[in-house]
Amino acid sequence: MNDESDSEKIFFYKKMKDSFINYNSLIKSLIEENENITNYYKRIGYIYKNVMDIENNEFLEVLLDKIRHHDHLISLIDDFLKDICQHEIIEDYIEGGVEKEMIKIKYCKNCEITF
């Protein structure tokens, strides 16, 4: 690290990035639940279905915009962290899935950005 100030900035932006990632996860769960509710309403009646489709489409678009915006902010944070951090690269392996080979990854010990 350059100094204490950079270390504090890295910590702050890592936490902010984690918050956006968690928020996106919650939004995706909400979208999934909304789809389940929409399928239920489709069985109730034609008029009500049309009203709910309009409401759901508007709601869904707002949520998808939020995810896109957060993804953009995450990208900006990653770019900032790449510039400010004096990287300490760690090589590790993660599971590739059921009965698949381990995947080799490289990431920074400090800012946790993958390379």
N, C-alpha and C. Protein backbone atom coordinates (compact mmCIF):
# COMPACT_ATOMS: atom_id res chain seq x y z
N MET A 1 0.83 -1.18 0.00
CA MET A 1 0.00 0.00 0.00
C MET A 1 0.88 1.25 0.00
N ASN A 2 0.39 2.29 -0.64
CA ASN A 2 1.14 3.55 -0.63
C ASN A 2 1.18 4.15 0.77
N ASP A 3 0.04 4.28 1.38
CA ASP A 3 -0.05 4.84 2.73
C ASP A 3 -1.37 4.44 3.36
N GLU A 4 -1.56 4.92 4.57
CA GLU A 4 -2.78 4.59 5.31
C GLU A 4 -4.03 5.09 4.59
N SER A 5 -3.92 6.23 3.95
CA SER A 5 -5.06 6.81 3.24
C SER A 5 -5.54 5.89 2.11
N ASP A 6 -4.61 5.35 1.34
CA ASP A 6 -4.99 4.43 0.26
C ASP A 6 -5.64 3.18 0.82
N SER A 7 -5.11 2.69 1.91
CA SER A 7 -5.68 1.50 2.55
C SER A 7 -7.12 1.75 2.98
N GLU A 8 -7.38 2.90 3.54
CA GLU A 8 -8.74 3.25 3.96
C GLU A 8 -9.67 3.38 2.76
N LYS A 9 -9.17 3.98 1.69
CA LYS A 9 -9.98 4.12 0.48
C LYS A 9 -10.33 2.75 -0.09
N ILE A 10 -9.34 1.87 -0.14
CA ILE A 10 -9.58 0.52 -0.67
C ILE A 10 -10.62 -0.19 0.17
N PHE A 11 -10.50 -0.11 1.48
CA PHE A 11 -11.48 -0.74 2.37
C PHE A 11 -12.88 -0.17 2.11
N PHE A 12 -12.97 1.15 2.03
CA PHE A 12 -14.26 1.80 1.80
C PHE A 12 -14.89 1.35 0.49
N TYR A 13 -14.12 1.37 -0.59
CA TYR A 13 -14.67 1.02 -1.90
C TYR A 13 -14.98 -0.48 -2.02
N LYS A 14 -14.20 -1.32 -1.35
CA LYS A 14 -14.53 -2.75 -1.33
C LYS A 14 -15.88 -2.97 -0.67
N LYS A 15 -16.12 -2.28 0.44
CA LYS A 15 -17.41 -2.41 1.14
C LYS A 15 -18.55 -1.87 0.29
N MET A 16 -18.32 -0.77 -0.40
CA MET A 16 -19.34 -0.20 -1.27
C MET A 16 -19.67 -1.18 -2.40
N LYS A 17 -18.64 -1.76 -2.99
CA LYS A 17 -18.84 -2.73 -4.06
C LYS A 17 -19.63 -3.93 -3.55
N ASP A 18 -19.27 -4.44 -2.37
CA ASP A 18 -20.01 -5.56 -1.78
C ASP A 18 -21.47 -5.21 -1.56
N SER A 19 -21.73 -3.98 -1.15
CA SER A 19 -23.12 -3.54 -0.94
C SER A 19 -23.90 -3.57 -2.25
N PHE A 20 -23.29 -3.09 -3.33
CA PHE A 20 -23.97 -3.11 -4.63
C PHE A 20 -24.21 -4.55 -5.09
N ILE A 21 -23.25 -5.42 -4.87
CA ILE A 21 -23.41 -6.83 -5.26
C ILE A 21 -24.55 -7.46 -4.46
N ASN A 22 -24.59 -7.21 -3.16
CA ASN A 22 -25.67 -7.74 -2.33
C ASN A 22 -27.02 -7.17 -2.72
N TYR A 23 -27.05 -5.87 -3.02
CA TYR A 23 -28.29 -5.22 -3.44
C TYR A 23 -28.79 -5.84 -4.74
N ASN A 24 -27.89 -6.08 -5.69
CA ASN A 24 -28.28 -6.71 -6.95
C ASN A 24 -28.85 -8.11 -6.70
N SER A 25 -28.26 -8.83 -5.79
CA SER A 25 -28.76 -10.16 -5.45
C SER A 25 -30.18 -10.09 -4.90
N LEU A 26 -30.43 -9.13 -4.04
CA LEU A 26 -31.78 -8.94 -3.50
C LEU A 26 -32.78 -8.57 -4.60
N ILE A 27 -32.35 -7.69 -5.50
CA ILE A 27 -33.23 -7.29 -6.61
C ILE A 27 -33.56 -8.49 -7.49
N LYS A 28 -32.56 -9.33 -7.77
CA LYS A 28 -32.81 -10.52 -8.60
C LYS A 28 -33.78 -11.47 -7.91
N SER A 29 -33.69 -11.59 -6.59
CA SER A 29 -34.65 -12.42 -5.85
C SER A 29 -36.04 -11.82 -5.94
N LEU A 30 -36.13 -10.51 -5.84
CA LEU A 30 -37.41 -9.83 -5.96
C LEU A 30 -38.02 -10.02 -7.34
N ILE A 31 -37.20 -9.95 -8.38
CA ILE A 31 -37.68 -10.18 -9.74
C ILE A 31 -38.22 -11.59 -9.88
N GLU A 32 -37.50 -12.56 -9.33
CA GLU A 32 -37.95 -13.95 -9.40
C GLU A 32 -39.28 -14.13 -8.67
N GLU A 33 -39.40 -13.54 -7.50
CA GLU A 33 -40.65 -13.64 -6.74
C GLU A 33 -41.79 -12.95 -7.49
N ASN A 34 -41.48 -11.82 -8.13
CA ASN A 34 -42.48 -11.10 -8.91
C ASN A 34 -42.98 -11.96 -10.07
N GLU A 35 -42.09 -12.71 -10.70
CA GLU A 35 -42.49 -13.60 -11.79
C GLU A 35 -43.42 -14.69 -11.28
N ASN A 36 -43.15 -15.21 -10.08
CA ASN A 36 -44.03 -16.22 -9.50
C ASN A 36 -45.42 -15.65 -9.23
N ILE A 37 -45.46 -14.43 -8.72
CA ILE A 37 -46.75 -13.78 -8.46
C ILE A 37 -47.48 -13.52 -9.76
N THR A 38 -46.76 -13.07 -10.78
CA THR A 38 -47.37 -12.80 -12.08
C THR A 38 -48.00 -14.06 -12.65
N ASN A 39 -47.33 -15.18 -12.54
CA ASN A 39 -47.89 -16.44 -13.03
C ASN A 39 -49.18 -16.80 -12.30
N TYR A 40 -49.24 -16.48 -11.02
CA TYR A 40 -50.46 -16.72 -10.26
C TYR A 40 -51.60 -15.85 -10.79
N TYR A 41 -51.32 -14.55 -11.01
CA TYR A 41 -52.36 -13.64 -11.47
C TYR A 41 -52.86 -13.98 -12.86
N LYS A 42 -52.04 -14.59 -13.69
CA LYS A 42 -52.46 -14.96 -15.04
C LYS A 42 -53.59 -15.97 -15.00
N ARG A 43 -53.71 -16.71 -13.92
CA ARG A 43 -54.77 -17.70 -13.81
C ARG A 43 -56.07 -17.10 -13.26
N ILE A 44 -56.03 -15.88 -12.77
CA ILE A 44 -57.21 -15.28 -12.13
C ILE A 44 -58.21 -14.75 -13.14
N GLY A 45 -57.75 -13.95 -14.06
CA GLY A 45 -58.68 -13.40 -15.03
C GLY A 45 -57.99 -12.49 -16.02
N TYR A 46 -58.59 -12.35 -17.18
CA TYR A 46 -57.99 -11.61 -18.29
C TYR A 46 -57.77 -10.14 -17.96
N ILE A 47 -58.80 -9.45 -17.48
CA ILE A 47 -58.68 -8.01 -17.20
C ILE A 47 -57.64 -7.76 -16.12
N TYR A 48 -57.75 -8.50 -15.04
CA TYR A 48 -56.80 -8.32 -13.95
C TYR A 48 -55.38 -8.64 -14.40
N LYS A 49 -55.25 -9.65 -15.26
CA LYS A 49 -53.94 -10.02 -15.80
C LYS A 49 -53.34 -8.85 -16.57
N ASN A 50 -54.14 -8.18 -17.40
CA ASN A 50 -53.64 -7.05 -18.18
C ASN A 50 -53.17 -5.91 -17.29
N VAL A 51 -53.94 -5.61 -16.25
CA VAL A 51 -53.54 -4.56 -15.32
C VAL A 51 -52.23 -4.93 -14.64
N MET A 52 -52.14 -6.16 -14.18
CA MET A 52 -50.93 -6.60 -13.49
C MET A 52 -49.73 -6.65 -14.43
N ASP A 53 -49.93 -7.02 -15.69
CA ASP A 53 -48.83 -7.05 -16.65
C ASP A 53 -48.22 -5.66 -16.81
N ILE A 54 -49.08 -4.64 -16.93
CA ILE A 54 -48.59 -3.27 -17.08
C ILE A 54 -47.79 -2.86 -15.85
N GLU A 55 -48.37 -3.09 -14.67
CA GLU A 55 -47.68 -2.75 -13.42
C GLU A 55 -46.36 -3.51 -13.28
N ASN A 56 -46.39 -4.79 -13.56
CA ASN A 56 -45.19 -5.61 -13.41
C ASN A 56 -44.10 -5.23 -14.40
N ASN A 57 -44.50 -4.91 -15.63
CA ASN A 57 -43.50 -4.52 -16.63
C ASN A 57 -42.79 -3.23 -16.23
N GLU A 58 -43.55 -2.26 -15.71
CA GLU A 58 -42.94 -1.01 -15.26
C GLU A 58 -42.02 -1.27 -14.07
N PHE A 59 -42.50 -2.06 -13.14
CA PHE A 59 -41.73 -2.40 -11.95
C PHE A 59 -40.46 -3.15 -12.33
N LEU A 60 -40.59 -4.11 -13.22
CA LEU A 60 -39.45 -4.90 -13.66
C LEU A 60 -38.41 -4.03 -14.34
N GLU A 61 -38.85 -3.09 -15.16
CA GLU A 61 -37.91 -2.21 -15.86
C GLU A 61 -37.12 -1.35 -14.87
N VAL A 62 -37.79 -0.87 -13.84
CA VAL A 62 -37.09 -0.08 -12.81
C VAL A 62 -36.03 -0.93 -12.12
N LEU A 63 -36.38 -2.16 -11.78
CA LEU A 63 -35.43 -3.05 -11.11
C LEU A 63 -34.24 -3.39 -12.01
N LEU A 64 -34.52 -3.66 -13.28
CA LEU A 64 -33.44 -3.97 -14.21
C LEU A 64 -32.52 -2.77 -14.42
N ASP A 65 -33.10 -1.56 -14.44
CA ASP A 65 -32.28 -0.34 -14.52
C ASP A 65 -31.37 -0.21 -13.31
N LYS A 66 -31.89 -0.56 -12.14
CA LYS A 66 -31.08 -0.52 -10.91
C LYS A 66 -29.89 -1.47 -11.03
N ILE A 67 -30.15 -2.67 -11.51
CA ILE A 67 -29.07 -3.65 -11.66
C ILE A 67 -28.02 -3.14 -12.64
N ARG A 68 -28.47 -2.60 -13.77
CA ARG A 68 -27.52 -2.07 -14.76
C ARG A 68 -26.69 -0.93 -14.15
N HIS A 69 -27.35 -0.06 -13.41
CA HIS A 69 -26.65 1.06 -12.78
C HIS A 69 -25.63 0.55 -11.76
N HIS A 70 -26.02 -0.40 -10.95
CA HIS A 70 -25.09 -0.96 -9.96
C HIS A 70 -23.92 -1.66 -10.63
N ASP A 71 -24.18 -2.39 -11.71
CA ASP A 71 -23.09 -3.04 -12.44
C ASP A 71 -22.09 -2.02 -12.98
N HIS A 72 -22.62 -0.89 -13.45
CA HIS A 72 -21.75 0.19 -13.93
C HIS A 72 -20.91 0.75 -12.78
N LEU A 73 -21.54 0.97 -11.63
CA LEU A 73 -20.81 1.48 -10.47
C LEU A 73 -19.75 0.49 -10.00
N ILE A 74 -20.08 -0.78 -10.02
CA ILE A 74 -19.11 -1.82 -9.65
C ILE A 74 -17.90 -1.77 -10.58
N SER A 75 -18.16 -1.59 -11.87
CA SER A 75 -17.08 -1.49 -12.85
C SER A 75 -16.20 -0.26 -12.57
N LEU A 76 -16.82 0.86 -12.24
CA LEU A 76 -16.06 2.07 -11.92
C LEU A 76 -15.21 1.86 -10.66
N ILE A 77 -15.79 1.20 -9.67
CA ILE A 77 -15.04 0.92 -8.44
C ILE A 77 -13.86 0.01 -8.74
N ASP A 78 -14.07 -1.02 -9.55
CA ASP A 78 -12.97 -1.92 -9.93
C ASP A 78 -11.85 -1.15 -10.61
N ASP A 79 -12.21 -0.26 -11.54
CA ASP A 79 -11.20 0.54 -12.22
C ASP A 79 -10.42 1.41 -11.24
N PHE A 80 -11.14 2.02 -10.31
CA PHE A 80 -10.49 2.86 -9.30
C PHE A 80 -9.55 2.03 -8.43
N LEU A 81 -10.02 0.88 -7.99
CA LEU A 81 -9.20 0.02 -7.14
C LEU A 81 -7.96 -0.47 -7.87
N LYS A 82 -8.09 -0.75 -9.16
CA LYS A 82 -6.93 -1.19 -9.93
C LYS A 82 -5.86 -0.10 -9.97
N ASP A 83 -6.30 1.16 -10.01
CA ASP A 83 -5.35 2.27 -10.08
C ASP A 83 -4.70 2.59 -8.73
N ILE A 84 -5.45 2.47 -7.66
CA ILE A 84 -4.97 2.93 -6.36
C ILE A 84 -4.20 1.86 -5.59
N CYS A 85 -4.47 0.61 -5.85
CA CYS A 85 -3.91 -0.49 -5.06
C CYS A 85 -2.55 -0.92 -5.58
N GLN A 86 -1.65 -1.21 -4.66
CA GLN A 86 -0.40 -1.88 -5.02
C GLN A 86 -0.66 -3.37 -4.82
N HIS A 87 -1.00 -4.02 -5.89
CA HIS A 87 -1.54 -5.37 -5.83
C HIS A 87 -0.55 -6.40 -5.29
N GLU A 88 -1.10 -7.28 -4.47
CA GLU A 88 -0.40 -8.47 -4.01
C GLU A 88 -1.19 -9.65 -4.57
N ILE A 89 -0.71 -10.18 -5.69
CA ILE A 89 -1.45 -11.19 -6.42
C ILE A 89 -1.34 -12.55 -5.73
N ILE A 90 -2.50 -13.18 -5.59
CA ILE A 90 -2.59 -14.52 -5.02
C ILE A 90 -3.20 -15.43 -6.08
N GLU A 91 -2.62 -16.61 -6.24
CA GLU A 91 -3.20 -17.61 -7.13
C GLU A 91 -3.92 -18.63 -6.28
N ASP A 92 -5.11 -18.99 -6.70
CA ASP A 92 -5.93 -19.92 -5.93
C ASP A 92 -6.75 -20.75 -6.91
N TYR A 93 -7.47 -21.71 -6.38
CA TYR A 93 -8.34 -22.55 -7.19
C TYR A 93 -9.74 -22.53 -6.60
N ILE A 94 -10.73 -22.51 -7.49
CA ILE A 94 -12.12 -22.61 -7.06
C ILE A 94 -12.77 -23.78 -7.77
N GLU A 95 -13.85 -24.27 -7.19
CA GLU A 95 -14.55 -25.41 -7.80
C GLU A 95 -15.21 -24.98 -9.10
N GLY A 96 -15.10 -25.84 -10.10
CA GLY A 96 -15.69 -25.56 -11.40
C GLY A 96 -17.09 -26.10 -11.55
N GLY A 97 -17.61 -26.71 -10.53
CA GLY A 97 -18.94 -27.31 -10.60
C GLY A 97 -18.85 -28.78 -10.29
N VAL A 98 -19.98 -29.43 -10.36
CA VAL A 98 -20.05 -30.85 -10.03
C VAL A 98 -19.20 -31.65 -11.01
N GLU A 99 -18.27 -32.40 -10.47
CA GLU A 99 -17.38 -33.28 -11.24
C GLU A 99 -16.63 -32.56 -12.36
N LYS A 100 -16.31 -31.30 -12.14
CA LYS A 100 -15.51 -30.55 -13.10
C LYS A 100 -14.18 -30.19 -12.44
N GLU A 101 -13.21 -29.86 -13.26
CA GLU A 101 -11.89 -29.52 -12.75
C GLU A 101 -11.94 -28.20 -11.99
N MET A 102 -10.97 -28.05 -11.09
CA MET A 102 -10.81 -26.80 -10.37
C MET A 102 -10.38 -25.71 -11.35
N ILE A 103 -10.82 -24.49 -11.11
CA ILE A 103 -10.49 -23.36 -11.97
C ILE A 103 -9.45 -22.50 -11.26
N LYS A 104 -8.37 -22.21 -11.95
CA LYS A 104 -7.32 -21.38 -11.38
C LYS A 104 -7.71 -19.91 -11.51
N ILE A 105 -7.61 -19.18 -10.41
CA ILE A 105 -7.91 -17.75 -10.44
C ILE A 105 -6.75 -16.98 -9.83
N LYS A 106 -6.65 -15.71 -10.21
CA LYS A 106 -5.69 -14.79 -9.62
C LYS A 106 -6.48 -13.59 -9.11
N TYR A 107 -6.16 -13.18 -7.89
CA TYR A 107 -6.82 -12.00 -7.34
C TYR A 107 -5.86 -11.27 -6.42
N CYS A 108 -6.18 -10.03 -6.14
CA CYS A 108 -5.36 -9.21 -5.27
C CYS A 108 -5.79 -9.43 -3.82
N LYS A 109 -4.81 -9.65 -2.98
CA LYS A 109 -5.06 -9.86 -1.55
C LYS A 109 -5.68 -8.61 -0.91
N ASN A 110 -5.35 -7.44 -1.41
CA ASN A 110 -5.80 -6.19 -0.79
C ASN A 110 -7.16 -5.72 -1.29
N CYS A 111 -7.31 -5.60 -2.60
CA CYS A 111 -8.55 -5.04 -3.15
C CYS A 111 -9.52 -6.12 -3.64
N GLU A 112 -9.07 -7.37 -3.69
CA GLU A 112 -9.89 -8.53 -4.06
C GLU A 112 -10.39 -8.51 -5.50
N ILE A 113 -9.73 -7.75 -6.35
CA ILE A 113 -10.07 -7.74 -7.77
C ILE A 113 -9.44 -8.95 -8.42
N THR A 114 -10.19 -9.61 -9.30
CA THR A 114 -9.65 -10.77 -10.01
C THR A 114 -8.92 -10.32 -11.28
N PHE A 115 -7.92 -11.10 -11.64
CA PHE A 115 -7.13 -10.80 -12.84
C PHE A 115 -7.19 -11.95 -13.80
